[in-house]
Amino acid sequence: LSPKAIEAVCRLKSINPEKTNLSIICSDISM
């Protein structure tokens, strides 16, 4: 939920978030 951090990760991996499916780690199914 941190736009600043997501931007840093995308730069690091040369990911365009508009063209690449991003993945999230959740603690459980409810999350």
ModelCIF file with pLDDT and N, C-alpha, C, O atoms, coordinates in Angstrom:
data_MODEL
#
_entry.id   MODEL 
#
_entity.id                         1 
_entity.type                       polymer 
_entity.pdbx_number_of_molecules   1 
#
_entity_poly.entity_id                      1 
_entity_poly.type                           'polypeptide(L)' 
_entity_poly.nstd_linkage                   no 
_entity_poly.nstd_monomer                   no 
_entity_poly.pdbx_seq_one_letter_code       LSPKAIEAVCRLKSINPEKTNLSIICSDISM 
_entity_poly.pdbx_seq_one_letter_code_can   LSPKAIEAVCRLKSINPEKTNLSIICSDISM 
_entity_poly.pdbx_strand_id                 A 
#
loop_
_entity_poly_seq.entity_id 
_entity_poly_seq.num 
_entity_poly_seq.mon_id 
_entity_poly_seq.hetero 
1 1  LEU n 
1 2  SER n 
1 3  PRO n 
1 4  LYS n 
1 5  ALA n 
1 6  ILE n 
1 7  GLU n 
1 8  ALA n 
1 9  VAL n 
1 10 CYS n 
1 11 ARG n 
1 12 LEU n 
1 13 LYS n 
1 14 SER n 
1 15 ILE n 
1 16 ASN n 
1 17 PRO n 
1 18 GLU n 
1 19 LYS n 
1 20 THR n 
1 21 ASN n 
1 22 LEU n 
1 23 SER n 
1 24 ILE n 
1 25 ILE n 
1 26 CYS n 
1 27 SER n 
1 28 ASP n 
1 29 ILE n 
1 30 SER n 
1 31 MET n 
#
_struct_asym.id          A 
_struct_asym.entity_id   1 
#
loop_
_ma_qa_metric.id 
_ma_qa_metric.mode 
_ma_qa_metric.name 
_ma_qa_metric.software_group_id 
_ma_qa_metric.type 
1 global pLDDT . pLDDT 
2 local  pLDDT . pLDDT 
#
_ma_qa_metric_global.metric_id      1 
_ma_qa_metric_global.metric_value   89.90 
_ma_qa_metric_global.model_id       1 
_ma_qa_metric_global.ordinal_id     1 
#
loop_
_ma_qa_metric_local.label_asym_id 
_ma_qa_metric_local.label_comp_id 
_ma_qa_metric_local.label_seq_id 
_ma_qa_metric_local.metric_id 
_ma_qa_metric_local.metric_value 
_ma_qa_metric_local.model_id 
_ma_qa_metric_local.ordinal_id 
A LEU 1  2 90.00 1 1  
A SER 2  2 91.00 1 2  
A PRO 3  2 88.00 1 3  
A LYS 4  2 90.00 1 4  
A ALA 5  2 93.00 1 5  
A ILE 6  2 91.00 1 6  
A GLU 7  2 91.00 1 7  
A ALA 8  2 94.00 1 8  
A VAL 9  2 94.00 1 9  
A CYS 10 2 91.00 1 10 
A ARG 11 2 92.00 1 11 
A LEU 12 2 93.00 1 12 
A LYS 13 2 90.00 1 13 
A SER 14 2 90.00 1 14 
A ILE 15 2 86.00 1 15 
A ASN 16 2 82.00 1 16 
A PRO 17 2 74.00 1 17 
A GLU 18 2 73.00 1 18 
A LYS 19 2 76.00 1 19 
A THR 20 2 79.00 1 20 
A ASN 21 2 79.00 1 21 
A LEU 22 2 86.00 1 22 
A SER 23 2 94.00 1 23 
A ILE 24 2 96.00 1 24 
A ILE 25 2 98.00 1 25 
A CYS 26 2 98.00 1 26 
A SER 27 2 98.00 1 27 
A ASP 28 2 98.00 1 28 
A ILE 29 2 98.00 1 29 
A SER 30 2 97.00 1 30 
A MET 31 2 97.00 1 31 
#
loop_
_atom_site.group_PDB 
_atom_site.id 
_atom_site.type_symbol 
_atom_site.label_atom_id 
_atom_site.label_alt_id 
_atom_site.label_comp_id 
_atom_site.label_asym_id 
_atom_site.label_entity_id 
_atom_site.label_seq_id 
_atom_site.pdbx_PDB_ins_code 
_atom_site.Cartn_x 
_atom_site.Cartn_y 
_atom_site.Cartn_z 
_atom_site.occupancy 
_atom_site.B_iso_or_equiv 
_atom_site.pdbx_formal_charge 
_atom_site.auth_seq_id 
_atom_site.auth_comp_id 
_atom_site.auth_asym_id 
_atom_site.auth_atom_id 
_atom_site.pdbx_PDB_model_num 
ATOM 1   N N  . LEU A 1 1  ? 0.817  -1.211  0.000   1.00 90.00 ? 1  LEU A N  1 
ATOM 2   C CA . LEU A 1 1  ? 0.000  0.000   0.000   1.00 90.00 ? 1  LEU A CA 1 
ATOM 3   C C  . LEU A 1 1  ? 0.857  1.270   0.000   1.00 90.00 ? 1  LEU A C  1 
ATOM 4   O O  . LEU A 1 1  ? 0.351  2.367   0.239   1.00 90.00 ? 1  LEU A O  1 
ATOM 5   N N  . SER A 1 2  ? 2.160  1.112   -0.271  1.00 91.00 ? 2  SER A N  1 
ATOM 6   C CA . SER A 1 2  ? 3.075  2.252   -0.309  1.00 91.00 ? 2  SER A CA 1 
ATOM 7   C C  . SER A 1 2  ? 3.476  2.551   -1.746  1.00 91.00 ? 2  SER A C  1 
ATOM 8   O O  . SER A 1 2  ? 4.325  1.853   -2.301  1.00 91.00 ? 2  SER A O  1 
ATOM 9   N N  . PRO A 1 3  ? 2.882  3.581   -2.366  1.00 88.00 ? 3  PRO A N  1 
ATOM 10  C CA . PRO A 1 3  ? 3.242  3.909   -3.755  1.00 88.00 ? 3  PRO A CA 1 
ATOM 11  C C  . PRO A 1 3  ? 4.734  4.154   -3.932  1.00 88.00 ? 3  PRO A C  1 
ATOM 12  O O  . PRO A 1 3  ? 5.314  3.753   -4.941  1.00 88.00 ? 3  PRO A O  1 
ATOM 13  N N  . LYS A 1 4  ? 5.363  4.816   -2.950  1.00 90.00 ? 4  LYS A N  1 
ATOM 14  C CA . LYS A 1 4  ? 6.796  5.097   -3.012  1.00 90.00 ? 4  LYS A CA 1 
ATOM 15  C C  . LYS A 1 4  ? 7.602  3.801   -3.083  1.00 90.00 ? 4  LYS A C  1 
ATOM 16  O O  . LYS A 1 4  ? 8.511  3.678   -3.904  1.00 90.00 ? 4  LYS A O  1 
ATOM 17  N N  . ALA A 1 5  ? 7.272  2.842   -2.230  1.00 93.00 ? 5  ALA A N  1 
ATOM 18  C CA . ALA A 1 5  ? 8.009  1.582   -2.186  1.00 93.00 ? 5  ALA A CA 1 
ATOM 19  C C  . ALA A 1 5  ? 7.756  0.752   -3.443  1.00 93.00 ? 5  ALA A C  1 
ATOM 20  O O  . ALA A 1 5  ? 8.677  0.139   -3.982  1.00 93.00 ? 5  ALA A O  1 
ATOM 21  N N  . ILE A 1 6  ? 6.508  0.735   -3.907  1.00 91.00 ? 6  ILE A N  1 
ATOM 22  C CA . ILE A 1 6  ? 6.179  -0.019  -5.115  1.00 91.00 ? 6  ILE A CA 1 
ATOM 23  C C  . ILE A 1 6  ? 6.946  0.545   -6.309  1.00 91.00 ? 6  ILE A C  1 
ATOM 24  O O  . ILE A 1 6  ? 7.451  -0.212  -7.137  1.00 91.00 ? 6  ILE A O  1 
ATOM 25  N N  . GLU A 1 7  ? 7.032  1.857   -6.397  1.00 91.00 ? 7  GLU A N  1 
ATOM 26  C CA . GLU A 1 7  ? 7.786  2.490   -7.471  1.00 91.00 ? 7  GLU A CA 1 
ATOM 27  C C  . GLU A 1 7  ? 9.255  2.076   -7.412  1.00 91.00 ? 7  GLU A C  1 
ATOM 28  O O  . GLU A 1 7  ? 9.870  1.819   -8.447  1.00 91.00 ? 7  GLU A O  1 
ATOM 29  N N  . ALA A 1 8  ? 9.822  2.011   -6.199  1.00 94.00 ? 8  ALA A N  1 
ATOM 30  C CA . ALA A 1 8  ? 11.228 1.612   -6.035  1.00 94.00 ? 8  ALA A CA 1 
ATOM 31  C C  . ALA A 1 8  ? 11.446 0.171   -6.488  1.00 94.00 ? 8  ALA A C  1 
ATOM 32  O O  . ALA A 1 8  ? 12.437 -0.123  -7.157  1.00 94.00 ? 8  ALA A O  1 
ATOM 33  N N  . VAL A 1 9  ? 10.535 -0.726  -6.129  1.00 94.00 ? 9  VAL A N  1 
ATOM 34  C CA . VAL A 1 9  ? 10.664 -2.128  -6.531  1.00 94.00 ? 9  VAL A CA 1 
ATOM 35  C C  . VAL A 1 9  ? 10.524 -2.267  -8.046  1.00 94.00 ? 9  VAL A C  1 
ATOM 36  O O  . VAL A 1 9  ? 11.279 -3.011  -8.673  1.00 94.00 ? 9  VAL A O  1 
ATOM 37  N N  . CYS A 1 10 ? 9.577  -1.566  -8.626  1.00 91.00 ? 10 CYS A N  1 
ATOM 38  C CA . CYS A 1 10 ? 9.382  -1.643  -10.077 1.00 91.00 ? 10 CYS A CA 1 
ATOM 39  C C  . CYS A 1 10 ? 10.605 -1.117  -10.830 1.00 91.00 ? 10 CYS A C  1 
ATOM 40  O O  . CYS A 1 10 ? 10.983 -1.664  -11.866 1.00 91.00 ? 10 CYS A O  1 
ATOM 41  N N  . ARG A 1 11 ? 11.222 -0.053  -10.306 1.00 92.00 ? 11 ARG A N  1 
ATOM 42  C CA . ARG A 1 11 ? 12.454 0.455   -10.919 1.00 92.00 ? 11 ARG A CA 1 
ATOM 43  C C  . ARG A 1 11 ? 13.573 -0.579  -10.813 1.00 92.00 ? 11 ARG A C  1 
ATOM 44  O O  . ARG A 1 11 ? 14.318 -0.806  -11.766 1.00 92.00 ? 11 ARG A O  1 
ATOM 45  N N  . LEU A 1 12 ? 13.675 -1.190  -9.662  1.00 93.00 ? 12 LEU A N  1 
ATOM 46  C CA . LEU A 1 12 ? 14.729 -2.166  -9.422  1.00 93.00 ? 12 LEU A CA 1 
ATOM 47  C C  . LEU A 1 12 ? 14.627 -3.358  -10.365 1.00 93.00 ? 12 LEU A C  1 
ATOM 48  O O  . LEU A 1 12 ? 15.642 -3.871  -10.836 1.00 93.00 ? 12 LEU A O  1 
ATOM 49  N N  . LYS A 1 13 ? 13.406 -3.796  -10.639 1.00 90.00 ? 13 LYS A N  1 
ATOM 50  C CA . LYS A 1 13 ? 13.204 -4.951  -11.509 1.00 90.00 ? 13 LYS A CA 1 
ATOM 51  C C  . LYS A 1 13 ? 12.879 -4.565  -12.952 1.00 90.00 ? 13 LYS A C  1 
ATOM 52  O O  . LYS A 1 13 ? 12.614 -5.437  -13.780 1.00 90.00 ? 13 LYS A O  1 
ATOM 53  N N  . SER A 1 14 ? 12.898 -3.263  -13.258 1.00 90.00 ? 14 SER A N  1 
ATOM 54  C CA . SER A 1 14 ? 12.525 -2.768  -14.598 1.00 90.00 ? 14 SER A CA 1 
ATOM 55  C C  . SER A 1 14 ? 11.136 -3.254  -14.985 1.00 90.00 ? 14 SER A C  1 
ATOM 56  O O  . SER A 1 14 ? 10.906 -3.706  -16.106 1.00 90.00 ? 14 SER A O  1 
ATOM 57  N N  . ILE A 1 15 ? 10.220 -3.151  -14.035 1.00 86.00 ? 15 ILE A N  1 
ATOM 58  C CA . ILE A 1 15 ? 8.832  -3.567  -14.246 1.00 86.00 ? 15 ILE A CA 1 
ATOM 59  C C  . ILE A 1 15 ? 7.985  -2.345  -14.581 1.00 86.00 ? 15 ILE A C  1 
ATOM 60  O O  . ILE A 1 15 ? 8.087  -1.313  -13.918 1.00 86.00 ? 15 ILE A O  1 
ATOM 61  N N  . ASN A 1 16 ? 7.157  -2.464  -15.604 1.00 82.00 ? 16 ASN A N  1 
ATOM 62  C CA . ASN A 1 16 ? 6.133  -1.466  -15.870 1.00 82.00 ? 16 ASN A CA 1 
ATOM 63  C C  . ASN A 1 16 ? 4.835  -1.980  -15.259 1.00 82.00 ? 16 ASN A C  1 
ATOM 64  O O  . ASN A 1 16 ? 4.246  -2.921  -15.790 1.00 82.00 ? 16 ASN A O  1 
ATOM 65  N N  . PRO A 1 17 ? 4.373  -1.392  -14.165 1.00 74.00 ? 17 PRO A N  1 
ATOM 66  C CA . PRO A 1 17 ? 3.184  -1.928  -13.492 1.00 74.00 ? 17 PRO A CA 1 
ATOM 67  C C  . PRO A 1 17 ? 1.920  -1.850  -14.332 1.00 74.00 ? 17 PRO A C  1 
ATOM 68  O O  . PRO A 1 17 ? 0.924  -2.504  -14.022 1.00 74.00 ? 17 PRO A O  1 
ATOM 69  N N  . GLU A 1 18 ? 1.954  -1.047  -15.399 1.00 73.00 ? 18 GLU A N  1 
ATOM 70  C CA . GLU A 1 18 ? 0.780  -0.967  -16.266 1.00 73.00 ? 18 GLU A CA 1 
ATOM 71  C C  . GLU A 1 18 ? 0.731  -2.127  -17.251 1.00 73.00 ? 18 GLU A C  1 
ATOM 72  O O  . GLU A 1 18 ? -0.304 -2.368  -17.873 1.00 73.00 ? 18 GLU A O  1 
ATOM 73  N N  . LYS A 1 19 ? 1.853  -2.856  -17.401 1.00 76.00 ? 19 LYS A N  1 
ATOM 74  C CA . LYS A 1 19 ? 1.904  -3.936  -18.381 1.00 76.00 ? 19 LYS A CA 1 
ATOM 75  C C  . LYS A 1 19 ? 2.196  -5.292  -17.758 1.00 76.00 ? 19 LYS A C  1 
ATOM 76  O O  . LYS A 1 19 ? 2.115  -6.319  -18.432 1.00 76.00 ? 19 LYS A O  1 
ATOM 77  N N  . THR A 1 20 ? 2.533  -5.300  -16.484 1.00 79.00 ? 20 THR A N  1 
ATOM 78  C CA . THR A 1 20 ? 2.927  -6.533  -15.813 1.00 79.00 ? 20 THR A CA 1 
ATOM 79  C C  . THR A 1 20 ? 1.988  -6.819  -14.655 1.00 79.00 ? 20 THR A C  1 
ATOM 80  O O  . THR A 1 20 ? 1.659  -5.930  -13.871 1.00 79.00 ? 20 THR A O  1 
ATOM 81  N N  . ASN A 1 21 ? 1.559  -8.079  -14.558 1.00 79.00 ? 21 ASN A N  1 
ATOM 82  C CA . ASN A 1 21 ? 0.748  -8.464  -13.408 1.00 79.00 ? 21 ASN A CA 1 
ATOM 83  C C  . ASN A 1 21 ? 1.614  -8.456  -12.159 1.00 79.00 ? 21 ASN A C  1 
ATOM 84  O O  . ASN A 1 21 ? 2.647  -9.123  -12.116 1.00 79.00 ? 21 ASN A O  1 
ATOM 85  N N  . LEU A 1 22 ? 1.207  -7.714  -11.153 1.00 86.00 ? 22 LEU A N  1 
ATOM 86  C CA . LEU A 1 22 ? 1.929  -7.666  -9.894  1.00 86.00 ? 22 LEU A CA 1 
ATOM 87  C C  . LEU A 1 22 ? 1.326  -8.674  -8.925  1.00 86.00 ? 22 LEU A C  1 
ATOM 88  O O  . LEU A 1 22 ? 0.133  -8.971  -8.981  1.00 86.00 ? 22 LEU A O  1 
ATOM 89  N N  . SER A 1 23 ? 2.174  -9.199  -8.028  1.00 94.00 ? 23 SER A N  1 
ATOM 90  C CA . SER A 1 23 ? 1.717  -10.194 -7.060  1.00 94.00 ? 23 SER A CA 1 
ATOM 91  C C  . SER A 1 23 ? 1.850  -9.660  -5.644  1.00 94.00 ? 23 SER A C  1 
ATOM 92  O O  . SER A 1 23 ? 2.720  -8.842  -5.344  1.00 94.00 ? 23 SER A O  1 
ATOM 93  N N  . ILE A 1 24 ? 0.970  -10.141 -4.787  1.00 96.00 ? 24 ILE A N  1 
ATOM 94  C CA . ILE A 1 24 ? 0.987  -9.736  -3.387  1.00 96.00 ? 24 ILE A CA 1 
ATOM 95  C C  . ILE A 1 24 ? 1.016  -10.964 -2.493  1.00 96.00 ? 24 ILE A C  1 
ATOM 96  O O  . ILE A 1 24 ? 0.417  -11.994 -2.802  1.00 96.00 ? 24 ILE A O  1 
ATOM 97  N N  . ILE A 1 25 ? 1.727  -10.834 -1.377  1.00 98.00 ? 25 ILE A N  1 
ATOM 98  C CA . ILE A 1 25 ? 1.749  -11.880 -0.356  1.00 98.00 ? 25 ILE A CA 1 
ATOM 99  C C  . ILE A 1 25 ? 0.703  -11.524 0.697   1.00 98.00 ? 25 ILE A C  1 
ATOM 100 O O  . ILE A 1 25 ? 0.692  -10.419 1.239   1.00 98.00 ? 25 ILE A O  1 
ATOM 101 N N  . CYS A 1 26 ? -0.172 -12.484 0.971   1.00 98.00 ? 26 CYS A N  1 
ATOM 102 C CA . CYS A 1 26 ? -1.208 -12.310 1.992   1.00 98.00 ? 26 CYS A CA 1 
ATOM 103 C C  . CYS A 1 26 ? -0.953 -13.286 3.135   1.00 98.00 ? 26 CYS A C  1 
ATOM 104 O O  . CYS A 1 26 ? -0.336 -14.334 2.945   1.00 98.00 ? 26 CYS A O  1 
ATOM 105 N N  . SER A 1 27 ? -1.429 -12.934 4.305   1.00 98.00 ? 27 SER A N  1 
ATOM 106 C CA . SER A 1 27 ? -1.231 -13.809 5.460   1.00 98.00 ? 27 SER A CA 1 
ATOM 107 C C  . SER A 1 27 ? -2.155 -15.018 5.407   1.00 98.00 ? 27 SER A C  1 
ATOM 108 O O  . SER A 1 27 ? -1.816 -16.088 5.913   1.00 98.00 ? 27 SER A O  1 
ATOM 109 N N  . ASP A 1 28 ? -3.326 -14.844 4.790   1.00 98.00 ? 28 ASP A N  1 
ATOM 110 C CA . ASP A 1 28 ? -4.300 -15.927 4.747   1.00 98.00 ? 28 ASP A CA 1 
ATOM 111 C C  . ASP A 1 28 ? -5.352 -15.613 3.681   1.00 98.00 ? 28 ASP A C  1 
ATOM 112 O O  . ASP A 1 28 ? -5.274 -14.590 3.001   1.00 98.00 ? 28 ASP A O  1 
ATOM 113 N N  . ILE A 1 29 ? -6.325 -16.495 3.547   1.00 98.00 ? 29 ILE A N  1 
ATOM 114 C CA . ILE A 1 29 ? -7.352 -16.330 2.518   1.00 98.00 ? 29 ILE A CA 1 
ATOM 115 C C  . ILE A 1 29 ? -8.220 -15.107 2.800   1.00 98.00 ? 29 ILE A C  1 
ATOM 116 O O  . ILE A 1 29 ? -8.638 -14.414 1.872   1.00 98.00 ? 29 ILE A O  1 
ATOM 117 N N  . SER A 1 30 ? -8.490 -14.843 4.067   1.00 97.00 ? 30 SER A N  1 
ATOM 118 C CA . SER A 1 30 ? -9.322 -13.683 4.409   1.00 97.00 ? 30 SER A CA 1 
ATOM 119 C C  . SER A 1 30 ? -8.689 -12.388 3.906   1.00 97.00 ? 30 SER A C  1 
ATOM 120 O O  . SER A 1 30 ? -9.385 -11.530 3.363   1.00 97.00 ? 30 SER A O  1 
ATOM 121 N N  . MET A 1 31 ? -7.385 -12.243 4.080   1.00 97.00 ? 31 MET A N  1 
ATOM 122 C CA . MET A 1 31 ? -6.710 -11.052 3.586   1.00 97.00 ? 31 MET A CA 1 
ATOM 123 C C  . MET A 1 31 ? -6.747 -11.014 2.061   1.00 97.00 ? 31 MET A C  1 
ATOM 124 O O  . MET A 1 31 ? -6.226 -10.079 1.454   1.00 97.00 ? 31 MET A O  1 
#
